[in-house]
Amino acid sequence: MIAVVDEANDARAIVQNNLGAALWRQGKLEEAVAAYSEAMKEWTRERVPLEFTDALREKTRAARSEE
């Protein structure tokens, strides 16, 4: 059962991460930051550190572009 939950959470995180990338390319930076934040709720540093770091990096890039 835990593996199924992890797969669903990973799928949700992938969708949110991809959404963040698409929104960033469209210049919708605030929405991109929110999507990356949602991905990071599933991709925690403890569970999947590489994915968490990638999402954090992209979130930071989008946030800095807002300035």
Protein backbone atom coordinates (compact mmCIF):
# COMPACT_ATOMS: atom_id res chain seq x y z
CA MET A 1 0.00 0.00 0.00
CA ILE A 2 2.81 2.44 0.81
CA ALA A 3 4.36 1.95 -2.64
CA VAL A 4 1.05 2.86 -4.30
CA VAL A 5 0.78 6.03 -2.22
CA ASP A 6 4.38 6.98 -3.05
CA GLU A 7 3.72 6.45 -6.76
CA ALA A 8 0.61 8.64 -6.62
CA ASN A 9 2.51 11.33 -4.72
CA ASP A 10 5.38 11.16 -7.20
CA ALA A 11 2.97 11.46 -10.12
CA ARG A 12 1.35 14.51 -8.53
CA ALA A 13 4.75 16.07 -7.92
CA ILE A 14 5.81 15.44 -11.52
CA VAL A 15 2.64 17.11 -12.79
CA GLN A 16 3.15 20.12 -10.51
CA ASN A 17 6.82 20.39 -11.47
CA ASN A 18 5.98 20.27 -15.19
CA LEU A 19 3.20 22.80 -14.65
CA GLY A 20 5.68 25.11 -12.94
CA ALA A 21 8.01 24.86 -15.93
CA ALA A 22 5.22 25.59 -18.40
CA LEU A 23 3.96 28.56 -16.39
CA TRP A 24 7.48 29.93 -16.06
CA ARG A 25 7.95 29.80 -19.84
CA GLN A 26 4.69 31.71 -20.22
CA GLY A 27 5.89 34.39 -17.83
CA LYS A 28 3.34 33.45 -15.15
CA LEU A 29 5.95 33.53 -12.44
CA GLU A 30 3.77 33.70 -9.34
CA GLU A 31 1.79 30.68 -10.50
CA ALA A 32 5.04 28.85 -11.37
CA VAL A 33 6.39 29.41 -7.86
CA ALA A 34 3.15 28.03 -6.41
CA ALA A 35 3.32 24.93 -8.63
CA TYR A 36 6.92 24.24 -7.63
CA SER A 37 5.91 24.63 -3.98
CA GLU A 38 3.21 22.03 -4.47
CA ALA A 39 5.74 19.64 -6.02
CA MET A 40 8.02 20.15 -3.04
CA LYS A 41 5.24 19.06 -0.66
CA GLU A 42 5.46 15.59 -2.20
CA TRP A 43 9.16 15.59 -3.04
CA THR A 44 10.56 16.18 0.42
CA ARG A 45 14.26 16.57 1.07
CA GLU A 46 14.22 13.45 3.25
CA ARG A 47 12.37 11.19 0.80
CA VAL A 48 13.75 12.22 -2.61
CA PRO A 49 16.54 14.76 -2.13
CA LEU A 50 17.50 15.11 -5.81
CA GLU A 51 13.96 15.85 -6.96
CA PHE A 52 13.45 18.21 -4.02
CA THR A 53 16.63 20.09 -4.93
CA ASP A 54 15.63 20.36 -8.59
CA ALA A 55 12.19 21.74 -7.68
CA LEU A 56 13.75 24.16 -5.19
CA ARG A 57 16.23 25.39 -7.81
CA GLU A 58 13.48 26.00 -10.35
CA LYS A 59 11.26 27.66 -7.76
CA THR A 60 14.12 29.98 -6.83
CA ARG A 61 14.76 30.84 -10.49
CA ALA A 62 11.10 31.68 -11.03
CA ALA A 63 10.94 33.76 -7.84
CA ARG A 64 14.04 35.71 -8.78
CA SER A 65 12.59 36.40 -12.22
CA GLU A 66 9.63 38.07 -10.52
CA GLU A 67 11.87 40.77 -9.04
